[in-house]
Amino acid sequence: MRRVIHERTRSRAAAGAGVTLAVVVTLSALVGVPSVANAALGQCGAFGARFDGFYSPGLHDQIGVEGVSANIRVEDGAVCGSDASVNNLTATWVMIYPTVGGGLAQVGFWRTGTWSGFTPQYFYEYGATDSGVGQGWHTGVADGTTHRFWVQWVTNGCPGGLPACFAFNIDNVRIHTSDFNPYQYWGNPDNANTMWIMALMGEAHYAESDIMGSNTGGVATVWDSAQAQDWATNNYRGFPCDLLARDDNAARWGLNYPTNKGCGAWSTYTIAGTG
């Protein structure tokens, strides 16, 4: 996405070393079902990226994180009706990005203004120094199904002879890899000046669009089992439950976390009756 969450100044460092998980190369096709969150307005207003979820900037930094993972129950959402372009989107994703400069690596599911029907669609996006271009991968993702979405720092299967890169995974399937080594561009994630930030968010580009999920009928987008990939072991682990909550459109979107701050189970959703 066009990430405007948090930025500082960049420094660069050499690549580290690590091990990776085996790659499974098949994923069962899923059958789409109709959207349940359908409160989006007909007229789109001001364009701009807006977020609903958790991230780890500033005092909430998580030092030594090189990847991120969460189980997410897929729920659909509608986009506002007057922009039929790919820029009009609603999405849900996990992401890792640098403390300093640009760049990101994310994987999740989305819907844009260019299609209708029983989606959403899996997608991934990455860029060494910018937001890159989001790429759809698999359509017809069923509402109510839960999948693990994870960005993983790996040292195998990278393109062009790279010693390391990011892998974008859904369940046990690697769907793509980045074309850059993040240690080269982003610095060392175990350094307080160059640590990498994780984010677990819903996103929409208009306030008049839905965040995926609804607060009626038990169909919120539910998150659980959030984990960070540790730079020292390359394994996934828990993290201090002190992420920063963010809801850029509280009049229409909800973020429900009774006690935790990014851990346990929590949800994002469009508030019924705000369409």
Protein backbone atom coordinates (compact mmCIF):
# COMPACT_ATOMS: atom_id res chain seq x y z
CA MET A 1 0.00 0.00 0.00
CA ARG A 2 0.98 3.65 -0.06
CA ARG A 3 2.49 3.46 3.40
CA VAL A 4 2.39 6.68 5.41
CA ILE A 5 2.53 5.13 8.88
CA HIS A 6 6.01 6.12 10.11
CA GLU A 7 9.33 7.25 8.63
CA ARG A 8 12.76 8.48 9.73
CA THR A 9 16.20 8.87 8.03
CA ARG A 10 17.91 5.84 6.39
CA SER A 11 21.25 4.10 6.98
CA ARG A 12 22.46 0.90 5.34
CA ALA A 13 24.14 -2.32 6.46
CA ALA A 14 25.29 -5.64 5.03
CA ALA A 15 23.21 -8.79 4.89
CA GLY A 16 22.99 -11.26 7.76
CA ALA A 17 22.75 -15.04 7.58
CA GLY A 18 19.91 -17.40 8.37
CA VAL A 19 17.89 -20.50 7.64
CA THR A 20 14.45 -20.88 6.15
CA LEU A 21 11.41 -23.11 6.19
CA ALA A 22 10.59 -25.61 3.47
CA VAL A 23 8.24 -24.33 0.77
CA VAL A 24 4.95 -26.01 -0.03
CA VAL A 25 3.90 -25.26 -3.59
CA THR A 26 0.16 -25.92 -3.66
CA LEU A 27 -2.84 -24.22 -2.11
CA SER A 28 -6.40 -25.47 -2.34
CA ALA A 29 -8.71 -23.24 -4.36
CA LEU A 30 -11.29 -21.46 -2.27
CA VAL A 31 -14.87 -20.69 -3.25
CA GLY A 32 -15.99 -17.10 -2.72
CA VAL A 33 -19.16 -16.16 -0.88
CA PRO A 34 -21.07 -12.87 -0.89
CA SER A 35 -19.77 -9.90 1.04
CA VAL A 36 -21.34 -9.21 4.43
CA ALA A 37 -19.74 -5.83 5.18
CA ASN A 38 -21.46 -3.59 2.66
CA ALA A 39 -21.77 -0.18 4.25
CA ALA A 40 -19.55 1.74 1.83
CA LEU A 41 -20.89 5.05 0.56
CA GLY A 42 -21.67 5.78 -3.07
CA GLN A 43 -19.56 8.93 -3.29
CA CYS A 44 -15.84 8.87 -2.50
CA GLY A 45 -14.35 11.86 -0.69
CA ALA A 46 -10.73 12.86 -0.20
CA PHE A 47 -8.15 10.29 -1.32
CA GLY A 48 -5.53 9.12 1.18
CA ALA A 49 -4.30 6.00 2.96
CA ARG A 50 -6.13 5.37 6.26
CA PHE A 51 -5.40 2.57 8.73
CA ASP A 52 -7.11 0.51 11.42
CA GLY A 53 -5.03 -1.84 13.57
CA PHE A 54 -1.68 -2.03 15.37
CA TYR A 55 1.92 -1.08 14.63
CA SER A 56 5.17 -0.61 16.54
CA PRO A 57 6.72 2.86 16.14
CA GLY A 58 8.53 5.13 18.58
CA LEU A 59 8.16 4.07 22.21
CA HIS A 60 6.44 0.91 21.02
CA ASP A 61 9.42 -0.28 18.96
CA GLN A 62 10.16 -4.01 18.92
CA ILE A 63 13.93 -4.36 18.51
CA GLY A 64 15.26 -7.41 16.65
CA VAL A 65 12.21 -8.14 14.46
CA GLU A 66 12.84 -9.14 10.82
CA GLY A 67 9.43 -10.58 9.87
CA VAL A 68 5.80 -10.69 11.01
CA SER A 69 2.98 -13.24 11.06
CA ALA A 70 -0.68 -13.47 12.11
CA ASN A 71 -3.68 -15.70 11.66
CA ILE A 72 -6.50 -13.63 10.15
CA ARG A 73 -10.13 -14.58 9.54
CA VAL A 74 -10.93 -13.27 6.09
CA GLU A 75 -13.92 -10.98 5.78
CA ASP A 76 -14.86 -8.84 2.81
CA GLY A 77 -15.64 -5.14 2.56
CA ALA A 78 -17.05 -2.77 -0.04
CA VAL A 79 -15.33 0.25 -1.57
CA CYS A 80 -17.01 3.60 -2.17
CA GLY A 81 -18.75 3.83 -5.50
CA SER A 82 -17.38 6.78 -7.45
CA ASP A 83 -13.79 5.60 -8.07
CA ALA A 84 -13.58 2.47 -10.21
CA SER A 85 -9.76 2.35 -10.23
CA VAL A 86 -7.21 0.11 -8.54
CA ASN A 87 -6.37 3.03 -6.25
CA ASN A 88 -9.76 2.63 -4.54
CA LEU A 89 -9.10 -0.29 -2.24
CA THR A 90 -9.86 -1.90 1.07
CA ALA A 91 -7.26 -4.32 2.38
CA THR A 92 -6.08 -6.30 5.38
CA TRP A 93 -2.41 -7.19 5.79
CA VAL A 94 0.68 -7.84 7.86
CA MET A 95 3.74 -5.76 7.06
CA ILE A 96 7.36 -5.12 7.98
CA TYR A 97 9.01 -1.82 7.05
CA PRO A 98 12.13 0.14 7.96
CA THR A 99 12.44 2.68 10.74
CA VAL A 100 14.33 4.94 8.37
CA GLY A 101 13.46 5.89 4.79
CA GLY A 102 10.95 4.18 2.54
CA GLY A 103 10.20 0.61 1.59
CA LEU A 104 7.87 -2.12 2.82
CA ALA A 105 7.02 -5.81 2.57
CA GLN A 106 3.43 -6.97 3.13
CA VAL A 107 0.99 -9.78 2.39
CA GLY A 108 -2.76 -10.06 2.94
CA PHE A 109 -6.06 -9.81 1.10
CA TRP A 110 -7.82 -6.94 -0.66
CA ARG A 111 -10.54 -5.66 -2.94
CA THR A 112 -10.19 -2.70 -5.33
CA GLY A 113 -12.58 -0.61 -7.38
CA THR A 114 -11.66 -2.51 -10.55
CA TRP A 115 -13.71 -5.60 -9.75
CA SER A 116 -16.89 -6.77 -8.08
CA GLY A 117 -18.35 -10.10 -7.03
CA PHE A 118 -17.18 -12.74 -4.64
CA THR A 119 -13.61 -11.81 -3.95
CA PRO A 120 -11.49 -10.63 -2.03
CA GLN A 121 -8.12 -11.59 -3.44
CA TYR A 122 -4.80 -12.46 -1.87
CA PHE A 123 -2.08 -9.90 -2.57
CA TYR A 124 1.52 -9.02 -1.77
CA GLU A 125 3.53 -5.82 -2.15
CA TYR A 126 7.13 -4.83 -1.59
CA GLY A 127 9.71 -2.15 -2.34
CA ALA A 128 13.26 -1.55 -1.18
CA THR A 129 12.86 2.23 -1.06
CA ASP A 130 9.19 2.86 -1.86
CA SER A 131 5.78 1.22 -1.66
CA GLY A 132 6.13 -0.73 -4.91
CA VAL A 133 3.03 -1.95 -6.71
CA GLY A 134 0.55 -4.35 -5.12
CA GLN A 135 0.13 -7.67 -6.90
CA GLY A 136 -2.98 -9.83 -6.70
CA TRP A 137 -2.39 -13.55 -6.53
CA HIS A 138 -5.53 -15.64 -5.97
CA THR A 139 -9.19 -14.66 -6.25
CA GLY A 140 -12.28 -16.07 -4.62
CA VAL A 141 -11.05 -16.13 -1.02
CA ALA A 142 -13.94 -17.31 1.12
CA ASP A 143 -15.36 -15.15 3.89
CA GLY A 144 -15.02 -16.77 7.30
CA THR A 145 -11.90 -18.79 6.47
CA THR A 146 -8.81 -18.27 8.63
CA HIS A 147 -5.32 -18.27 7.16
CA ARG A 148 -1.82 -17.49 8.31
CA PHE A 149 -0.32 -14.48 6.52
CA TRP A 150 3.42 -14.02 7.06
CA VAL A 151 6.34 -11.99 5.77
CA GLN A 152 9.54 -14.01 6.27
CA TRP A 153 13.20 -13.10 5.91
CA VAL A 154 14.81 -16.01 4.02
CA THR A 155 18.12 -17.03 2.49
CA ASN A 156 16.82 -19.50 -0.09
CA GLY A 157 14.85 -19.11 -3.29
CA CYS A 158 15.71 -15.43 -3.72
CA PRO A 159 15.81 -14.04 -7.28
CA GLY A 160 18.90 -12.92 -9.17
CA GLY A 161 21.40 -14.57 -6.86
CA LEU A 162 20.46 -12.47 -3.84
CA PRO A 163 21.84 -13.91 -0.58
CA ALA A 164 18.59 -13.02 1.24
CA CYS A 165 15.16 -11.53 0.61
CA PHE A 166 11.60 -11.50 1.92
CA ALA A 167 9.22 -14.39 1.23
CA PHE A 168 5.47 -13.73 1.18
CA ASN A 169 3.57 -16.70 2.60
CA ILE A 170 -0.06 -17.71 3.03
CA ASP A 171 -0.51 -20.79 5.21
CA ASN A 172 2.32 -23.08 4.04
CA VAL A 173 2.62 -21.57 0.57
CA ARG A 174 5.31 -19.16 -0.53
CA ILE A 175 3.57 -17.04 -3.14
CA HIS A 176 6.42 -14.68 -4.02
CA THR A 177 9.78 -13.25 -2.97
CA SER A 178 11.11 -9.69 -2.93
CA ASP A 179 13.73 -8.49 -5.39
CA PHE A 180 15.92 -6.91 -2.71
CA ASN A 181 17.81 -7.90 0.42
CA PRO A 182 16.36 -5.78 3.25
CA TYR A 183 19.56 -5.83 5.33
CA GLN A 184 21.31 -4.06 2.46
CA TYR A 185 18.75 -1.27 2.21
CA TRP A 186 17.18 -1.04 5.67
CA GLY A 187 20.06 -1.69 8.05
CA ASN A 188 20.20 -4.07 11.02
CA PRO A 189 16.83 -4.70 12.74
CA ASP A 190 18.61 -5.35 16.03
CA ASN A 191 20.00 -1.81 16.10
CA ALA A 192 17.88 0.79 17.89
CA ASN A 193 18.59 3.30 15.11
CA THR A 194 17.65 1.01 12.23
CA MET A 195 15.12 -1.44 13.70
CA TRP A 196 12.30 -2.64 11.46
CA ILE A 197 8.67 -1.97 12.32
CA MET A 198 5.83 -4.48 12.12
CA ALA A 199 2.24 -3.52 11.36
CA LEU A 200 -1.01 -5.52 11.40
CA MET A 201 -3.67 -3.37 9.81
CA GLY A 202 -6.77 -2.87 7.80
CA GLU A 203 -6.41 -0.10 5.21
CA ALA A 204 -8.68 1.87 2.89
CA HIS A 205 -7.93 4.78 0.60
CA TYR A 206 -11.20 6.59 1.23
CA ALA A 207 -13.00 7.16 4.52
CA GLU A 208 -16.20 6.26 2.68
CA SER A 209 -14.98 2.69 1.99
CA ASP A 210 -15.30 -0.23 4.41
CA ILE A 211 -12.56 -1.68 6.51
CA MET A 212 -13.05 -5.39 5.89
CA GLY A 213 -15.43 -7.06 8.33
CA SER A 214 -18.53 -5.90 10.23
CA ASN A 215 -19.52 -5.67 13.89
CA THR A 216 -22.79 -7.51 13.29
CA GLY A 217 -23.38 -11.24 13.00
CA GLY A 218 -19.96 -12.25 14.29
CA VAL A 219 -18.22 -11.36 11.05
CA ALA A 220 -15.48 -8.97 12.15
CA THR A 221 -12.02 -9.50 10.71
CA VAL A 222 -10.47 -11.42 13.61
CA TRP A 223 -6.73 -11.49 14.26
CA ASP A 224 -4.87 -13.90 16.53
CA SER A 225 -1.52 -15.67 17.04
CA ALA A 226 0.48 -12.59 16.00
CA GLN A 227 4.21 -13.32 16.02
CA ALA A 228 7.50 -11.66 15.15
CA GLN A 229 10.38 -13.32 13.30
CA ASP A 230 13.45 -13.01 15.50
CA TRP A 231 16.61 -11.73 13.80
CA ALA A 232 18.93 -13.94 15.92
CA THR A 233 17.19 -17.29 15.38
CA ASN A 234 15.04 -16.56 12.29
CA ASN A 235 12.21 -18.31 14.14
CA TYR A 236 8.84 -16.78 14.95
CA ARG A 237 8.11 -15.82 18.56
CA GLY A 238 5.75 -13.77 20.66
CA PHE A 239 6.47 -10.13 21.47
CA PRO A 240 5.62 -7.64 24.24
CA CYS A 241 1.94 -6.70 23.95
CA ASP A 242 2.67 -3.01 23.60
CA LEU A 243 1.95 -2.14 19.99
CA LEU A 244 0.32 1.18 19.16
CA ALA A 245 -3.38 1.11 18.27
CA ARG A 246 -4.50 3.27 15.35
CA ASP A 247 -7.97 3.92 13.90
CA ASP A 248 -7.99 6.72 11.32
CA ASN A 249 -11.77 6.63 10.82
CA ALA A 250 -13.34 5.87 14.20
CA ALA A 251 -16.69 7.28 13.03
CA ARG A 252 -17.10 4.31 10.67
CA TRP A 253 -14.47 1.70 11.64
CA GLY A 254 -13.89 -0.23 14.83
CA LEU A 255 -10.82 -1.69 16.54
CA ASN A 256 -11.71 -4.05 19.38
CA TYR A 257 -8.95 -5.06 21.82
CA PRO A 258 -10.32 -5.40 25.37
CA THR A 259 -7.02 -5.96 27.17
CA ASN A 260 -4.14 -6.59 24.78
CA LYS A 261 -2.18 -4.29 22.47
CA GLY A 262 -1.57 -6.44 19.42
CA CYS A 263 -1.51 -9.84 21.15
CA GLY A 264 -4.22 -12.38 21.84
CA ALA A 265 -7.35 -12.05 19.70
CA TRP A 266 -8.60 -8.69 18.44
CA SER A 267 -10.71 -7.44 15.53
CA THR A 268 -11.16 -4.74 12.91
CA TYR A 269 -14.53 -3.99 11.29
CA THR A 270 -16.89 -1.49 9.70
CA ILE A 271 -19.52 -0.25 12.12
CA ALA A 272 -23.05 -1.20 11.08
CA GLY A 273 -25.34 1.69 10.15
CA THR A 274 -22.54 4.05 9.08
CA GLY A 275 -23.07 3.58 5.34
